[in-house]
Amino acid sequence: MGSKIGQKSFDHRGTVTRYLDKAAKKALTKAIGSQVVRQLESFLDVYVIESTDDGAVITIGHRYKRINRTN
């Protein structure tokens, strides 16, 4: 993903989950504007699970509940 906006949570078994939390959405709003973020709101509750070895995307999904951080 390589983004500077967002959070990541390592599972210590070879994968990392990347997602946008409230602070990331606020930073995104500051970077691109509130009107754009409002239009994209339904697309921002997603997560990506990547391999920590090579950064390969394992899966992408829609968040419907909070991600519990392990680190």
N, C-alpha and C. Protein backbone atom coordinates (compact mmCIF):
# COMPACT_ATOMS: atom_id res chain seq x y z
N MET A 1 0.83 -1.17 0.00
CA MET A 1 0.00 0.00 0.00
C MET A 1 0.88 1.24 0.00
N GLY A 2 1.82 1.33 0.92
CA GLY A 2 2.79 2.40 0.91
C GLY A 2 2.25 3.77 1.25
N SER A 3 1.12 3.86 1.87
CA SER A 3 0.52 5.15 2.18
C SER A 3 0.98 5.68 3.53
N LYS A 4 0.99 7.00 3.66
CA LYS A 4 1.35 7.62 4.93
C LYS A 4 0.12 7.89 5.78
N ILE A 5 -1.07 7.73 5.22
CA ILE A 5 -2.31 7.94 5.96
C ILE A 5 -2.92 6.57 6.26
N GLY A 6 -3.26 6.33 7.52
CA GLY A 6 -3.88 5.07 7.90
C GLY A 6 -3.13 4.37 9.01
N GLN A 7 -3.70 3.28 9.46
CA GLN A 7 -3.13 2.49 10.54
C GLN A 7 -2.77 1.11 10.04
N LYS A 8 -1.90 0.45 10.78
CA LYS A 8 -1.58 -0.93 10.47
C LYS A 8 -1.50 -1.72 11.76
N SER A 9 -1.91 -2.97 11.66
CA SER A 9 -1.92 -3.86 12.81
C SER A 9 -1.25 -5.17 12.40
N PHE A 10 -0.15 -5.52 13.06
CA PHE A 10 0.58 -6.74 12.76
C PHE A 10 0.00 -7.88 13.58
N ASP A 11 -0.10 -9.06 12.97
CA ASP A 11 -0.60 -10.22 13.73
C ASP A 11 0.53 -11.10 14.24
N HIS A 12 1.77 -10.77 13.91
CA HIS A 12 2.96 -11.50 14.34
C HIS A 12 2.98 -12.94 13.82
N ARG A 13 2.25 -13.19 12.75
CA ARG A 13 2.26 -14.49 12.08
C ARG A 13 2.52 -14.32 10.58
N GLY A 14 3.00 -13.14 10.20
CA GLY A 14 3.36 -12.94 8.80
C GLY A 14 2.43 -12.06 8.00
N THR A 15 1.44 -11.44 8.65
CA THR A 15 0.56 -10.53 7.91
C THR A 15 0.37 -9.22 8.67
N VAL A 16 -0.03 -8.21 7.93
CA VAL A 16 -0.34 -6.91 8.49
C VAL A 16 -1.68 -6.47 7.92
N THR A 17 -2.54 -5.91 8.78
CA THR A 17 -3.82 -5.37 8.35
C THR A 17 -3.70 -3.86 8.28
N ARG A 18 -4.06 -3.29 7.15
CA ARG A 18 -4.02 -1.83 6.96
C ARG A 18 -5.45 -1.33 6.81
N TYR A 19 -5.74 -0.18 7.47
CA TYR A 19 -7.09 0.36 7.46
C TYR A 19 -7.06 1.84 7.78
N LEU A 20 -8.18 2.51 7.58
CA LEU A 20 -8.33 3.92 7.91
C LEU A 20 -9.14 4.03 9.20
N ASP A 21 -8.55 4.66 10.22
CA ASP A 21 -9.28 4.92 11.46
C ASP A 21 -9.78 6.36 11.44
N LYS A 22 -10.36 6.80 12.56
CA LYS A 22 -10.92 8.15 12.63
C LYS A 22 -9.86 9.22 12.37
N ALA A 23 -8.67 9.05 12.95
CA ALA A 23 -7.59 10.02 12.76
C ALA A 23 -7.14 10.06 11.30
N ALA A 24 -7.11 8.90 10.65
CA ALA A 24 -6.71 8.84 9.25
C ALA A 24 -7.74 9.53 8.36
N LYS A 25 -9.01 9.35 8.67
CA LYS A 25 -10.05 10.02 7.90
C LYS A 25 -9.98 11.53 8.08
N LYS A 26 -9.62 11.97 9.27
CA LYS A 26 -9.44 13.40 9.53
C LYS A 26 -8.26 13.94 8.72
N ALA A 27 -7.15 13.20 8.68
CA ALA A 27 -5.99 13.60 7.90
C ALA A 27 -6.31 13.61 6.40
N LEU A 28 -7.08 12.64 5.96
CA LEU A 28 -7.49 12.57 4.57
C LEU A 28 -8.36 13.77 4.22
N THR A 29 -9.26 14.14 5.12
CA THR A 29 -10.11 15.30 4.92
C THR A 29 -9.26 16.56 4.77
N LYS A 30 -8.24 16.68 5.60
CA LYS A 30 -7.35 17.83 5.53
C LYS A 30 -6.57 17.84 4.22
N ALA A 31 -6.18 16.66 3.74
CA ALA A 31 -5.36 16.56 2.53
C ALA A 31 -6.15 16.79 1.25
N ILE A 32 -7.37 16.25 1.17
CA ILE A 32 -8.11 16.33 -0.10
C ILE A 32 -9.43 17.09 -0.02
N GLY A 33 -9.86 17.44 1.18
CA GLY A 33 -11.08 18.23 1.32
C GLY A 33 -12.27 17.43 1.79
N SER A 34 -13.12 18.08 2.56
CA SER A 34 -14.26 17.39 3.17
C SER A 34 -15.31 16.97 2.15
N GLN A 35 -15.48 17.73 1.08
CA GLN A 35 -16.49 17.38 0.08
C GLN A 35 -16.14 16.04 -0.60
N VAL A 36 -14.89 15.86 -0.93
CA VAL A 36 -14.44 14.61 -1.57
C VAL A 36 -14.58 13.44 -0.60
N VAL A 37 -14.19 13.65 0.65
CA VAL A 37 -14.28 12.57 1.65
C VAL A 37 -15.74 12.19 1.88
N ARG A 38 -16.63 13.15 1.93
CA ARG A 38 -18.07 12.85 2.09
C ARG A 38 -18.58 12.00 0.93
N GLN A 39 -18.13 12.31 -0.29
CA GLN A 39 -18.57 11.54 -1.45
C GLN A 39 -18.02 10.11 -1.44
N LEU A 40 -16.84 9.93 -0.85
CA LEU A 40 -16.20 8.62 -0.81
C LEU A 40 -16.44 7.85 0.49
N GLU A 41 -17.20 8.40 1.40
CA GLU A 41 -17.38 7.84 2.75
C GLU A 41 -17.71 6.35 2.75
N SER A 42 -18.57 5.91 1.86
CA SER A 42 -18.97 4.49 1.87
C SER A 42 -17.84 3.58 1.40
N PHE A 43 -16.80 4.14 0.79
CA PHE A 43 -15.68 3.33 0.32
C PHE A 43 -14.48 3.34 1.27
N LEU A 44 -14.57 4.11 2.36
CA LEU A 44 -13.42 4.27 3.24
C LEU A 44 -13.35 3.24 4.37
N ASP A 45 -14.39 2.49 4.60
CA ASP A 45 -14.39 1.47 5.65
C ASP A 45 -13.95 0.12 5.08
N VAL A 46 -12.72 0.10 4.61
CA VAL A 46 -12.16 -1.11 4.02
C VAL A 46 -10.87 -1.47 4.75
N TYR A 47 -10.42 -2.68 4.55
CA TYR A 47 -9.13 -3.10 5.09
C TYR A 47 -8.41 -3.95 4.06
N VAL A 48 -7.10 -4.00 4.19
CA VAL A 48 -6.25 -4.81 3.30
C VAL A 48 -5.36 -5.65 4.19
N ILE A 49 -5.28 -6.94 3.92
CA ILE A 49 -4.36 -7.81 4.62
C ILE A 49 -3.23 -8.14 3.66
N GLU A 50 -2.00 -7.82 4.10
CA GLU A 50 -0.82 -8.02 3.27
C GLU A 50 0.17 -8.94 3.96
N SER A 51 1.00 -9.56 3.16
CA SER A 51 2.11 -10.36 3.68
C SER A 51 3.20 -9.41 4.15
N THR A 52 3.80 -9.69 5.31
CA THR A 52 4.90 -8.85 5.77
C THR A 52 6.19 -9.20 5.05
N ASP A 53 6.25 -10.35 4.40
CA ASP A 53 7.46 -10.76 3.69
C ASP A 53 7.68 -9.93 2.43
N ASP A 54 6.68 -9.91 1.56
CA ASP A 54 6.86 -9.26 0.27
C ASP A 54 5.81 -8.19 -0.04
N GLY A 55 4.88 -7.95 0.88
CA GLY A 55 3.85 -6.94 0.67
C GLY A 55 2.73 -7.36 -0.25
N ALA A 56 2.66 -8.65 -0.58
CA ALA A 56 1.61 -9.15 -1.46
C ALA A 56 0.26 -9.03 -0.77
N VAL A 57 -0.75 -8.60 -1.52
CA VAL A 57 -2.10 -8.48 -0.98
C VAL A 57 -2.70 -9.88 -0.86
N ILE A 58 -3.18 -10.20 0.34
CA ILE A 58 -3.80 -11.49 0.59
C ILE A 58 -5.31 -11.39 0.40
N THR A 59 -5.90 -10.37 1.00
CA THR A 59 -7.34 -10.16 0.85
C THR A 59 -7.68 -8.70 1.13
N ILE A 60 -8.83 -8.29 0.64
CA ILE A 60 -9.38 -6.95 0.87
C ILE A 60 -10.83 -7.15 1.29
N GLY A 61 -11.28 -6.38 2.26
CA GLY A 61 -12.66 -6.52 2.70
C GLY A 61 -13.24 -5.22 3.19
N HIS A 62 -14.54 -5.26 3.47
CA HIS A 62 -15.26 -4.11 4.00
C HIS A 62 -15.39 -4.27 5.51
N ARG A 63 -14.99 -3.23 6.24
CA ARG A 63 -15.08 -3.27 7.70
C ARG A 63 -16.51 -2.98 8.13
N TYR A 64 -17.04 -3.82 8.99
CA TYR A 64 -18.34 -3.56 9.57
C TYR A 64 -18.26 -3.46 11.08
N LYS A 65 -17.06 -3.68 11.64
CA LYS A 65 -16.85 -3.47 13.07
C LYS A 65 -15.40 -3.00 13.28
N ARG A 66 -15.09 -2.58 14.46
CA ARG A 66 -13.77 -2.05 14.79
C ARG A 66 -12.70 -3.14 14.71
N ILE A 67 -11.51 -2.75 14.24
CA ILE A 67 -10.38 -3.66 14.19
C ILE A 67 -9.63 -3.54 15.51
N ASN A 68 -9.46 -4.67 16.19
CA ASN A 68 -8.72 -4.68 17.45
C ASN A 68 -7.23 -4.70 17.15
N ARG A 69 -6.53 -3.71 17.67
CA ARG A 69 -5.09 -3.61 17.43
C ARG A 69 -4.33 -4.48 18.40
N THR A 70 -3.32 -5.19 17.89
CA THR A 70 -2.52 -6.07 18.73
C THR A 70 -1.18 -5.45 19.08
N ASN A 71 -0.84 -4.30 18.53
CA ASN A 71 0.44 -3.67 18.82
C ASN A 71 0.29 -2.22 19.15
